[in-house]
PDB file of all heavy atoms in Angstrom:
ATOM      1  N   ASN A   1       0.830  -1.207   0.000  1.00  0.00           N
ATOM      2  CA  ASN A   1       0.000   0.000   0.000  1.00  0.00           C
ATOM      3  C   ASN A   1       0.866   1.259   0.000  1.00  0.00           C
ATOM      4  O   ASN A   1       0.551   2.253  -0.668  1.00  0.00           O
ATOM      5  CB  ASN A   1      -0.912  -0.005   1.225  1.00  0.00           C
ATOM      6  CG  ASN A   1      -1.625   1.315   1.440  1.00  0.00           C
ATOM      7  OD1 ASN A   1      -1.172   2.147   2.226  1.00  0.00           O
ATOM      8  ND2 ASN A   1      -2.727   1.525   0.755  1.00  0.00           N
ATOM      9  N   LEU A   2       1.991   1.201   0.722  1.00  0.00           N
ATOM     10  CA  LEU A   2       2.901   2.340   0.786  1.00  0.00           C
ATOM     11  C   LEU A   2       3.491   2.637  -0.594  1.00  0.00           C
ATOM     12  O   LEU A   2       3.490   3.787  -1.052  1.00  0.00           O
ATOM     13  CB  LEU A   2       4.014   2.034   1.791  1.00  0.00           C
ATOM     14  CG  LEU A   2       4.938   3.184   2.194  1.00  0.00           C
ATOM     15  CD1 LEU A   2       4.157   4.308   2.840  1.00  0.00           C
ATOM     16  CD2 LEU A   2       6.019   2.678   3.138  1.00  0.00           C
ATOM     17  N   VAL A   3       3.960   1.599  -1.277  1.00  0.00           N
ATOM     18  CA  VAL A   3       4.532   1.779  -2.618  1.00  0.00           C
ATOM     19  C   VAL A   3       3.468   2.268  -3.589  1.00  0.00           C
ATOM     20  O   VAL A   3       3.737   3.107  -4.466  1.00  0.00           O
ATOM     21  CB  VAL A   3       5.165   0.455  -3.101  1.00  0.00           C
ATOM     22  CG1 VAL A   3       5.615   0.570  -4.554  1.00  0.00           C
ATOM     23  CG2 VAL A   3       6.337   0.073  -2.212  1.00  0.00           C
ATOM     24  N   GLU A   4       2.255   1.769  -3.438  1.00  0.00           N
ATOM     25  CA  GLU A   4       1.146   2.206  -4.300  1.00  0.00           C
ATOM     26  C   GLU A   4       0.908   3.707  -4.171  1.00  0.00           C
ATOM     27  O   GLU A   4       0.704   4.410  -5.174  1.00  0.00           O
ATOM     28  CB  GLU A   4      -0.119   1.434  -3.916  1.00  0.00           C
ATOM     29  CG  GLU A   4      -1.341   1.765  -4.753  1.00  0.00           C
ATOM     30  CD  GLU A   4      -2.578   1.016  -4.281  1.00  0.00           C
ATOM     31  OE1 GLU A   4      -2.422  -0.123  -3.790  1.00  0.00           O
ATOM     32  OE2 GLU A   4      -3.683   1.569  -4.406  1.00  0.00           O
ATOM     33  N   ARG A   5       0.988   4.217  -2.949  1.00  0.00           N
ATOM     34  CA  ARG A   5       0.785   5.656  -2.745  1.00  0.00           C
ATOM     35  C   ARG A   5       1.986   6.461  -3.228  1.00  0.00           C
ATOM     36  O   ARG A   5       1.826   7.576  -3.730  1.00  0.00           O
ATOM     37  CB  ARG A   5       0.487   5.940  -1.275  1.00  0.00           C
ATOM     38  CG  ARG A   5      -0.850   5.376  -0.818  1.00  0.00           C
ATOM     39  CD  ARG A   5      -1.296   5.957   0.495  1.00  0.00           C
ATOM     40  NE  ARG A   5      -1.535   7.388   0.415  1.00  0.00           N
ATOM     41  CZ  ARG A   5      -1.891   8.140   1.456  1.00  0.00           C
ATOM     42  NH1 ARG A   5      -2.031   7.579   2.640  1.00  0.00           N
ATOM     43  NH2 ARG A   5      -2.089   9.437   1.323  1.00  0.00           N
ATOM     44  N   TRP A   6       3.198   5.917  -3.084  1.00  0.00           N
ATOM     45  CA  TRP A   6       4.369   6.590  -3.652  1.00  0.00           C
ATOM     46  C   TRP A   6       4.188   6.787  -5.150  1.00  0.00           C
ATOM     47  O   TRP A   6       4.544   7.821  -5.700  1.00  0.00           O
ATOM     48  CB  TRP A   6       5.627   5.758  -3.428  1.00  0.00           C
ATOM     49  CG  TRP A   6       6.096   5.669  -2.018  1.00  0.00           C
ATOM     50  CD1 TRP A   6       5.668   6.397  -0.947  1.00  0.00           C
ATOM     51  CD2 TRP A   6       7.106   4.791  -1.515  1.00  0.00           C
ATOM     52  NE1 TRP A   6       6.336   6.029   0.198  1.00  0.00           N
ATOM     53  CE2 TRP A   6       7.232   5.045  -0.119  1.00  0.00           C
ATOM     54  CE3 TRP A   6       7.919   3.814  -2.088  1.00  0.00           C
ATOM     55  CZ2 TRP A   6       8.131   4.355   0.687  1.00  0.00           C
ATOM     56  CZ3 TRP A   6       8.817   3.120  -1.300  1.00  0.00           C
ATOM     57  CH2 TRP A   6       8.924   3.388   0.075  1.00  0.00           C
ATOM     58  N   ASN A   7       3.639   5.773  -5.783  1.00  0.00           N
ATOM     59  CA  ASN A   7       3.496   5.799  -7.242  1.00  0.00           C
ATOM     60  C   ASN A   7       2.348   6.693  -7.695  1.00  0.00           C
ATOM     61  O   ASN A   7       2.440   7.367  -8.724  1.00  0.00           O
ATOM     62  CB  ASN A   7       3.278   4.372  -7.759  1.00  0.00           C
ATOM     63  CG  ASN A   7       3.252   4.304  -9.264  1.00  0.00           C
ATOM     64  OD1 ASN A   7       4.210   4.699  -9.925  1.00  0.00           O
ATOM     65  ND2 ASN A   7       2.155   3.811  -9.822  1.00  0.00           N
ATOM     66  N   ALA A   8       1.263   6.726  -6.896  1.00  0.00           N
ATOM     67  CA  ALA A   8       0.042   7.414  -7.335  1.00  0.00           C
ATOM     68  C   ALA A   8      -0.001   8.886  -6.939  1.00  0.00           C
ATOM     69  O   ALA A   8      -0.634   9.694  -7.635  1.00  0.00           O
ATOM     70  CB  ALA A   8      -1.185   6.687  -6.769  1.00  0.00           C
ATOM     71  N   GLU A   9       0.645   9.262  -5.843  1.00  0.00           N
ATOM     72  CA  GLU A   9       0.520  10.620  -5.317  1.00  0.00           C
ATOM     73  C   GLU A   9       1.859  11.354  -5.421  1.00  0.00           C
ATOM     74  O   GLU A   9       2.855  10.942  -4.840  1.00  0.00           O
ATOM     75  CB  GLU A   9       0.027  10.584  -3.869  1.00  0.00           C
ATOM     76  CG  GLU A   9      -1.326   9.890  -3.730  1.00  0.00           C
ATOM     77  CD  GLU A   9      -1.779   9.767  -2.294  1.00  0.00           C
ATOM     78  OE1 GLU A   9      -1.645  10.753  -1.549  1.00  0.00           O
ATOM     79  OE2 GLU A   9      -2.253   8.675  -1.914  1.00  0.00           O
ATOM     80  N   GLU A  10       1.833  12.445  -6.159  1.00  0.00           N
ATOM     81  CA  GLU A  10       3.057  13.168  -6.493  1.00  0.00           C
ATOM     82  C   GLU A  10       3.831  13.625  -5.264  1.00  0.00           C
ATOM     83  O   GLU A  10       5.065  13.612  -5.250  1.00  0.00           O
ATOM     84  CB  GLU A  10       2.694  14.376  -7.368  1.00  0.00           C
ATOM     85  CG  GLU A  10       3.885  15.118  -7.924  1.00  0.00           C
ATOM     86  CD  GLU A  10       3.465  16.280  -8.803  1.00  0.00           C
ATOM     87  OE1 GLU A  10       2.238  16.488  -8.986  1.00  0.00           O
ATOM     88  OE2 GLU A  10       4.359  16.985  -9.307  1.00  0.00           O
ATOM     89  N   GLU A  11       3.111  14.027  -4.218  1.00  0.00           N
ATOM     90  CA  GLU A  11       3.794  14.555  -3.032  1.00  0.00           C
ATOM     91  C   GLU A  11       4.561  13.487  -2.255  1.00  0.00           C
ATOM     92  O   GLU A  11       5.326  13.817  -1.343  1.00  0.00           O
ATOM     93  CB  GLU A  11       2.799  15.245  -2.097  1.00  0.00           C
ATOM     94  CG  GLU A  11       1.628  14.404  -1.673  1.00  0.00           C
ATOM     95  CD  GLU A  11       0.413  14.586  -2.578  1.00  0.00           C
ATOM     96  OE1 GLU A  11       0.599  14.711  -3.795  1.00  0.00           O
ATOM     97  OE2 GLU A  11      -0.711  14.592  -2.064  1.00  0.00           O
ATOM     98  N   TYR A  12       4.360  12.202  -2.629  1.00  0.00           N
ATOM     99  CA  TYR A  12       5.061  11.127  -1.932  1.00  0.00           C
ATOM    100  C   TYR A  12       5.993  10.344  -2.860  1.00  0.00           C
ATOM    101  O   TYR A  12       6.486   9.269  -2.479  1.00  0.00           O
ATOM    102  CB  TYR A  12       4.051  10.182  -1.274  1.00  0.00           C
ATOM    103  CG  TYR A  12       3.118  10.874  -0.323  1.00  0.00           C
ATOM    104  CD1 TYR A  12       1.734  10.819  -0.480  1.00  0.00           C
ATOM    105  CD2 TYR A  12       3.619  11.622   0.740  1.00  0.00           C
ATOM    106  CE1 TYR A  12       0.881  11.476   0.394  1.00  0.00           C
ATOM    107  CE2 TYR A  12       2.772  12.284   1.613  1.00  0.00           C
ATOM    108  CZ  TYR A  12       1.401  12.207   1.436  1.00  0.00           C
ATOM    109  OH  TYR A  12       0.565  12.869   2.300  1.00  0.00           O
ATOM    110  N   ASN A  13       6.260  10.846  -4.069  1.00  0.00           N
ATOM    111  CA  ASN A  13       7.157  10.153  -5.000  1.00  0.00           C
ATOM    112  C   ASN A  13       8.561   9.975  -4.428  1.00  0.00           C
ATOM    113  O   ASN A  13       9.289   9.057  -4.815  1.00  0.00           O
ATOM    114  CB  ASN A  13       7.264  10.924  -6.318  1.00  0.00           C
ATOM    115  CG  ASN A  13       5.986  10.853  -7.144  1.00  0.00           C
ATOM    116  OD1 ASN A  13       5.790  11.648  -8.046  1.00  0.00           O
ATOM    117  ND2 ASN A  13       5.086   9.924  -6.833  1.00  0.00           N
ATOM    118  N   HIS A  14       8.952  10.876  -3.514  1.00  0.00           N
ATOM    119  CA  HIS A  14      10.294  10.801  -2.927  1.00  0.00           C
ATOM    120  C   HIS A  14      10.472   9.575  -2.041  1.00  0.00           C
ATOM    121  O   HIS A  14      11.592   9.266  -1.622  1.00  0.00           O
ATOM    122  CB  HIS A  14      10.577  12.059  -2.096  1.00  0.00           C
ATOM    123  CG  HIS A  14       9.692  12.175  -0.895  1.00  0.00           C
ATOM    124  ND1 HIS A  14       8.370  12.566  -0.974  1.00  0.00           N
ATOM    125  CD2 HIS A  14       9.927  11.922   0.421  1.00  0.00           C
ATOM    126  CE1 HIS A  14       7.844  12.556   0.243  1.00  0.00           C
ATOM    127  NE2 HIS A  14       8.761  12.174   1.100  1.00  0.00           N
ATOM    128  N   GLY A  15       9.371   8.877  -1.737  1.00  0.00           N
ATOM    129  CA  GLY A  15       9.450   7.706  -0.868  1.00  0.00           C
ATOM    130  C   GLY A  15      10.372   6.626  -1.410  1.00  0.00           C
ATOM    131  O   GLY A  15      10.997   5.887  -0.635  1.00  0.00           O
ATOM    132  N   TYR A  16      10.475   6.505  -2.750  1.00  0.00           N
ATOM    133  CA  TYR A  16      11.367   5.508  -3.344  1.00  0.00           C
ATOM    134  C   TYR A  16      12.829   5.777  -2.972  1.00  0.00           C
ATOM    135  O   TYR A  16      13.640   4.858  -2.879  1.00  0.00           O
ATOM    136  CB  TYR A  16      11.249   5.545  -4.874  1.00  0.00           C
ATOM    137  CG  TYR A  16       9.953   4.997  -5.412  1.00  0.00           C
ATOM    138  CD1 TYR A  16       8.962   5.845  -5.911  1.00  0.00           C
ATOM    139  CD2 TYR A  16       9.718   3.624  -5.448  1.00  0.00           C
ATOM    140  CE1 TYR A  16       7.779   5.336  -6.424  1.00  0.00           C
ATOM    141  CE2 TYR A  16       8.538   3.108  -5.959  1.00  0.00           C
ATOM    142  CZ  TYR A  16       7.568   3.970  -6.441  1.00  0.00           C
ATOM    143  OH  TYR A  16       6.392   3.469  -6.942  1.00  0.00           O
ATOM    144  N   PHE A  17      13.160   7.034  -2.770  1.00  0.00           N
ATOM    145  CA  PHE A  17      14.537   7.458  -2.560  1.00  0.00           C
ATOM    146  C   PHE A  17      15.018   7.246  -1.122  1.00  0.00           C
ATOM    147  O   PHE A  17      16.185   6.937  -0.884  1.00  0.00           O
ATOM    148  CB  PHE A  17      14.631   8.941  -2.949  1.00  0.00           C
ATOM    149  CG  PHE A  17      15.954   9.583  -2.699  1.00  0.00           C
ATOM    150  CD1 PHE A  17      17.074   9.206  -3.418  1.00  0.00           C
ATOM    151  CD2 PHE A  17      16.084  10.590  -1.746  1.00  0.00           C
ATOM    152  CE1 PHE A  17      18.300   9.808  -3.197  1.00  0.00           C
ATOM    153  CE2 PHE A  17      17.303  11.198  -1.517  1.00  0.00           C
ATOM    154  CZ  PHE A  17      18.419  10.802  -2.243  1.00  0.00           C
ATOM    155  N   LEU A  18      14.118   7.385  -0.159  1.00  0.00           N
ATOM    156  CA  LEU A  18      14.521   7.399   1.248  1.00  0.00           C
ATOM    157  C   LEU A  18      15.087   6.075   1.763  1.00  0.00           C
ATOM    158  O   LEU A  18      16.045   6.088   2.548  1.00  0.00           O
ATOM    159  CB  LEU A  18      13.353   7.860   2.115  1.00  0.00           C
ATOM    160  CG  LEU A  18      12.966   9.334   1.925  1.00  0.00           C
ATOM    161  CD1 LEU A  18      11.806   9.706   2.832  1.00  0.00           C
ATOM    162  CD2 LEU A  18      14.150  10.251   2.203  1.00  0.00           C
ATOM    163  N   PRO A  19      14.560   4.891   1.393  1.00  0.00           N
ATOM    164  CA  PRO A  19      15.204   3.653   1.857  1.00  0.00           C
ATOM    165  C   PRO A  19      16.665   3.543   1.404  1.00  0.00           C
ATOM    166  O   PRO A  19      17.507   3.021   2.143  1.00  0.00           O
ATOM    167  CB  PRO A  19      14.345   2.551   1.233  1.00  0.00           C
ATOM    168  CG  PRO A  19      12.999   3.179   1.063  1.00  0.00           C
ATOM    169  CD  PRO A  19      13.285   4.604   0.698  1.00  0.00           C
ATOM    170  N   LEU A  20      16.965   4.047   0.217  1.00  0.00           N
ATOM    171  CA  LEU A  20      18.350   4.039  -0.262  1.00  0.00           C
ATOM    172  C   LEU A  20      19.220   4.955   0.593  1.00  0.00           C
ATOM    173  O   LEU A  20      20.373   4.626   0.906  1.00  0.00           O
ATOM    174  CB  LEU A  20      18.397   4.476  -1.729  1.00  0.00           C
ATOM    175  CG  LEU A  20      17.637   3.583  -2.721  1.00  0.00           C
ATOM    176  CD1 LEU A  20      17.708   4.168  -4.127  1.00  0.00           C
ATOM    177  CD2 LEU A  20      18.208   2.169  -2.711  1.00  0.00           C
ATOM    178  N   VAL A  21      18.671   6.122   0.966  1.00  0.00           N
ATOM    179  CA  VAL A  21      19.396   7.045   1.840  1.00  0.00           C
ATOM    180  C   VAL A  21      19.703   6.374   3.174  1.00  0.00           C
ATOM    181  O   VAL A  21      20.820   6.474   3.708  1.00  0.00           O
ATOM    182  CB  VAL A  21      18.582   8.337   2.053  1.00  0.00           C
ATOM    183  CG1 VAL A  21      19.241   9.229   3.101  1.00  0.00           C
ATOM    184  CG2 VAL A  21      18.433   9.095   0.746  1.00  0.00           C
ATOM    185  N   THR A  22      18.721   5.675   3.723  1.00  0.00           N
ATOM    186  CA  THR A  22      18.921   4.968   4.993  1.00  0.00           C
ATOM    187  C   THR A  22      20.045   3.946   4.889  1.00  0.00           C
ATOM    188  O   THR A  22      20.915   3.865   5.769  1.00  0.00           O
ATOM    189  CB  THR A  22      17.607   4.272   5.418  1.00  0.00           C
ATOM    190  OG1 THR A  22      16.619   5.265   5.705  1.00  0.00           O
ATOM    191  CG2 THR A  22      17.820   3.411   6.650  1.00  0.00           C
ATOM    192  N   LEU A  23      20.060   3.168   3.810  1.00  0.00           N
ATOM    193  CA  LEU A  23      21.107   2.152   3.639  1.00  0.00           C
ATOM    194  C   LEU A  23      22.493   2.790   3.528  1.00  0.00           C
ATOM    195  O   LEU A  23      23.461   2.290   4.112  1.00  0.00           O
ATOM    196  CB  LEU A  23      20.804   1.311   2.389  1.00  0.00           C
ATOM    197  CG  LEU A  23      19.599   0.373   2.489  1.00  0.00           C
ATOM    198  CD1 LEU A  23      19.349  -0.310   1.156  1.00  0.00           C
ATOM    199  CD2 LEU A  23      19.808  -0.664   3.593  1.00  0.00           C
ATOM    200  N   VAL A  24      22.601   3.896   2.798  1.00  0.00           N
ATOM    201  CA  VAL A  24      23.887   4.577   2.648  1.00  0.00           C
ATOM    202  C   VAL A  24      24.366   5.112   3.989  1.00  0.00           C
ATOM    203  O   VAL A  24      25.543   4.972   4.357  1.00  0.00           O
ATOM    204  CB  VAL A  24      23.782   5.720   1.613  1.00  0.00           C
ATOM    205  CG1 VAL A  24      25.050   6.576   1.620  1.00  0.00           C
ATOM    206  CG2 VAL A  24      23.553   5.158   0.218  1.00  0.00           C
ATOM    207  N   PHE A  25      23.461   5.713   4.746  1.00  0.00           N
ATOM    208  CA  PHE A  25      23.844   6.269   6.048  1.00  0.00           C
ATOM    209  C   PHE A  25      24.272   5.169   7.025  1.00  0.00           C
ATOM    210  O   PHE A  25      25.204   5.351   7.815  1.00  0.00           O
ATOM    211  CB  PHE A  25      22.697   7.082   6.638  1.00  0.00           C
ATOM    212  CG  PHE A  25      22.500   8.419   5.977  1.00  0.00           C
ATOM    213  CD1 PHE A  25      21.431   9.233   6.339  1.00  0.00           C
ATOM    214  CD2 PHE A  25      23.355   8.874   4.992  1.00  0.00           C
ATOM    215  CE1 PHE A  25      21.239  10.467   5.734  1.00  0.00           C
ATOM    216  CE2 PHE A  25      23.179  10.098   4.385  1.00  0.00           C
ATOM    217  CZ  PHE A  25      22.117  10.897   4.756  1.00  0.00           C
ATOM    218  N   LEU A  26      23.585   4.022   6.989  1.00  0.00           N
ATOM    219  CA  LEU A  26      23.975   2.908   7.860  1.00  0.00           C
ATOM    220  C   LEU A  26      25.344   2.365   7.456  1.00  0.00           C
ATOM    221  O   LEU A  26      26.173   2.020   8.307  1.00  0.00           O
ATOM    222  CB  LEU A  26      22.916   1.804   7.801  1.00  0.00           C
ATOM    223  CG  LEU A  26      21.555   2.129   8.428  1.00  0.00           C
ATOM    224  CD1 LEU A  26      20.586   0.986   8.190  1.00  0.00           C
ATOM    225  CD2 LEU A  26      21.686   2.404   9.923  1.00  0.00           C
ATOM    226  N   TRP A  27      25.577   2.274   6.158  1.00  0.00           N
ATOM    227  CA  TRP A  27      26.868   1.818   5.667  1.00  0.00           C
ATOM    228  C   TRP A  27      27.974   2.780   6.111  1.00  0.00           C
ATOM    229  O   TRP A  27      29.064   2.363   6.513  1.00  0.00           O
ATOM    230  CB  TRP A  27      26.804   1.713   4.150  1.00  0.00           C
ATOM    231  CG  TRP A  27      28.091   1.277   3.496  1.00  0.00           C
ATOM    232  CD1 TRP A  27      28.965   0.337   3.958  1.00  0.00           C
ATOM    233  CD2 TRP A  27      28.629   1.787   2.278  1.00  0.00           C
ATOM    234  NE1 TRP A  27      30.026   0.206   3.084  1.00  0.00           N
ATOM    235  CE2 TRP A  27      29.849   1.087   2.036  1.00  0.00           C
ATOM    236  CE3 TRP A  27      28.212   2.724   1.357  1.00  0.00           C
ATOM    237  CZ2 TRP A  27      30.638   1.328   0.921  1.00  0.00           C
ATOM    238  CZ3 TRP A  27      28.985   2.960   0.229  1.00  0.00           C
ATOM    239  CH2 TRP A  27      30.188   2.279   0.029  1.00  0.00           C
ATOM    240  N   GLN A  28      27.680   4.065   6.052  1.00  0.00           N
ATOM    241  CA  GLN A  28      28.653   5.078   6.432  1.00  0.00           C
ATOM    242  C   GLN A  28      29.035   4.963   7.912  1.00  0.00           C
ATOM    243  O   GLN A  28      30.163   5.255   8.299  1.00  0.00           O
ATOM    244  CB  GLN A  28      28.085   6.468   6.136  1.00  0.00           C
ATOM    245  CG  GLN A  28      29.004   7.621   6.498  1.00  0.00           C
ATOM    246  CD  GLN A  28      28.472   8.447   7.663  1.00  0.00           C
ATOM    247  OE1 GLN A  28      27.335   8.299   8.069  1.00  0.00           O
ATOM    248  NE2 GLN A  28      29.317   9.309   8.197  1.00  0.00           N
ATOM    249  N   ARG A  29      28.095   4.532   8.745  1.00  0.00           N
ATOM    250  CA  ARG A  29      28.355   4.395  10.179  1.00  0.00           C
ATOM    251  C   ARG A  29      29.018   3.066  10.537  1.00  0.00           C
ATOM    252  O   ARG A  29      29.393   2.847  11.697  1.00  0.00           O
ATOM    253  CB  ARG A  29      27.039   4.517  10.946  1.00  0.00           C
ATOM    254  CG  ARG A  29      26.454   5.920  10.980  1.00  0.00           C
ATOM    255  CD  ARG A  29      27.411   6.879  11.629  1.00  0.00           C
ATOM    256  NE  ARG A  29      26.787   8.169  11.936  1.00  0.00           N
ATOM    257  CZ  ARG A  29      27.434   9.186  12.493  1.00  0.00           C
ATOM    258  NH1 ARG A  29      28.714   9.050  12.798  1.00  0.00           N
ATOM    259  NH2 ARG A  29      26.818  10.317  12.733  1.00  0.00           N
ATOM    260  N   GLY A  30      29.161   2.184   9.560  1.00  0.00           N
ATOM    261  CA  GLY A  30      29.689   0.846   9.847  1.00  0.00           C
ATOM    262  C   GLY A  30      31.057   0.845  10.482  1.00  0.00           C
ATOM    263  O   GLY A  30      31.321   0.087  11.428  1.00  0.00           O
ATOM    264  N   ALA A  31      31.977   1.702   9.982  1.00  0.00           N
ATOM    265  CA  ALA A  31      33.340   1.714  10.511  1.00  0.00           C
ATOM    266  C   ALA A  31      33.374   2.130  11.982  1.00  0.00           C
ATOM    267  O   ALA A  31      34.171   1.600  12.767  1.00  0.00           O
ATOM    268  CB  ALA A  31      34.199   2.669   9.675  1.00  0.00           C
ATOM    269  N   ILE A  32      32.511   3.066  12.372  1.00  0.00           N
ATOM    270  CA  ILE A  32      32.457   3.493  13.773  1.00  0.00           C
ATOM    271  C   ILE A  32      31.923   2.384  14.658  1.00  0.00           C
ATOM    272  O   ILE A  32      32.439   2.111  15.750  1.00  0.00           O
ATOM    273  CB  ILE A  32      31.589   4.759  13.921  1.00  0.00           C
ATOM    274  CG1 ILE A  32      32.220   5.920  13.151  1.00  0.00           C
ATOM    275  CG2 ILE A  32      31.401   5.133  15.381  1.00  0.00           C
ATOM    276  CD1 ILE A  32      31.395   7.182  13.165  1.00  0.00           C
ATOM    277  N   LEU A  33      30.876   1.714  14.186  1.00  0.00           N
ATOM    278  CA  LEU A  33      30.249   0.666  14.995  1.00  0.00           C
ATOM    279  C   LEU A  33      31.208  -0.501  15.250  1.00  0.00           C
ATOM    280  O   LEU A  33      31.112  -1.184  16.272  1.00  0.00           O
ATOM    281  CB  LEU A  33      28.975   0.178  14.305  1.00  0.00           C
ATOM    282  CG  LEU A  33      27.843   1.205  14.191  1.00  0.00           C
ATOM    283  CD1 LEU A  33      26.693   0.649  13.370  1.00  0.00           C
ATOM    284  CD2 LEU A  33      27.358   1.620  15.574  1.00  0.00           C
ATOM    285  N   LYS A  34      32.146  -0.713  14.318  1.00  0.00           N
ATOM    286  CA  LYS A  34      33.095  -1.817  14.500  1.00  0.00           C
ATOM    287  C   LYS A  34      34.053  -1.586  15.666  1.00  0.00           C
ATOM    288  O   LYS A  34      34.633  -2.528  16.208  1.00  0.00           O
ATOM    289  CB  LYS A  34      33.900  -2.019  13.215  1.00  0.00           C
ATOM    290  CG  LYS A  34      33.092  -2.584  12.056  1.00  0.00           C
ATOM    291  CD  LYS A  34      33.932  -2.606  10.781  1.00  0.00           C
ATOM    292  CE  LYS A  34      33.096  -3.043   9.593  1.00  0.00           C
ATOM    293  NZ  LYS A  34      33.861  -2.974   8.324  1.00  0.00           N
ATOM    294  N   THR A  35      34.248  -0.336  16.025  1.00  0.00           N
ATOM    295  CA  THR A  35      35.208  -0.015  17.090  1.00  0.00           C
ATOM    296  C   THR A  35      34.587  -0.062  18.474  1.00  0.00           C
ATOM    297  O   THR A  35      35.279   0.164  19.475  1.00  0.00           O
ATOM    298  CB  THR A  35      35.809   1.384  16.862  1.00  0.00           C
ATOM    299  OG1 THR A  35      34.767   2.365  16.998  1.00  0.00           O
ATOM    300  CG2 THR A  35      36.428   1.491  15.486  1.00  0.00           C
ATOM    301  N   LEU A  36      33.297  -0.329  18.557  1.00  0.00           N
ATOM    302  CA  LEU A  36      32.595  -0.263  19.833  1.00  0.00           C
ATOM    303  C   LEU A  36      32.162  -1.653  20.288  1.00  0.00           C
ATOM    304  O   LEU A  36      31.687  -2.457  19.479  1.00  0.00           O
ATOM    305  CB  LEU A  36      31.358   0.641  19.722  1.00  0.00           C
ATOM    306  CG  LEU A  36      31.602   2.081  19.254  1.00  0.00           C
ATOM    307  CD1 LEU A  36      30.269   2.802  19.074  1.00  0.00           C
ATOM    308  CD2 LEU A  36      32.464   2.829  20.269  1.00  0.00           C
ATOM    309  N   ASP A  37      32.312  -1.913  21.569  1.00  0.00           N
ATOM    310  CA  ASP A  37      31.772  -3.136  22.162  1.00  0.00           C
ATOM    311  C   ASP A  37      30.351  -2.810  22.596  1.00  0.00           C
ATOM    312  O   ASP A  37      30.130  -2.166  23.623  1.00  0.00           O
ATOM    313  CB  ASP A  37      32.620  -3.580  23.345  1.00  0.00           C
ATOM    314  CG  ASP A  37      32.108  -4.878  23.959  1.00  0.00           C
ATOM    315  OD1 ASP A  37      31.229  -5.504  23.334  1.00  0.00           O
ATOM    316  OD2 ASP A  37      32.576  -5.249  25.036  1.00  0.00           O
TER     317      ASP A  37
END
């Protein structure tokens, strides 16, 4: 339903982009997380 609304409603088209942003940001934090117990 979420993807359907991303596709149908212009104000939510950016929804496709945000999961990719989340993955990049998590990847960027990976090196820091490795140094922590």
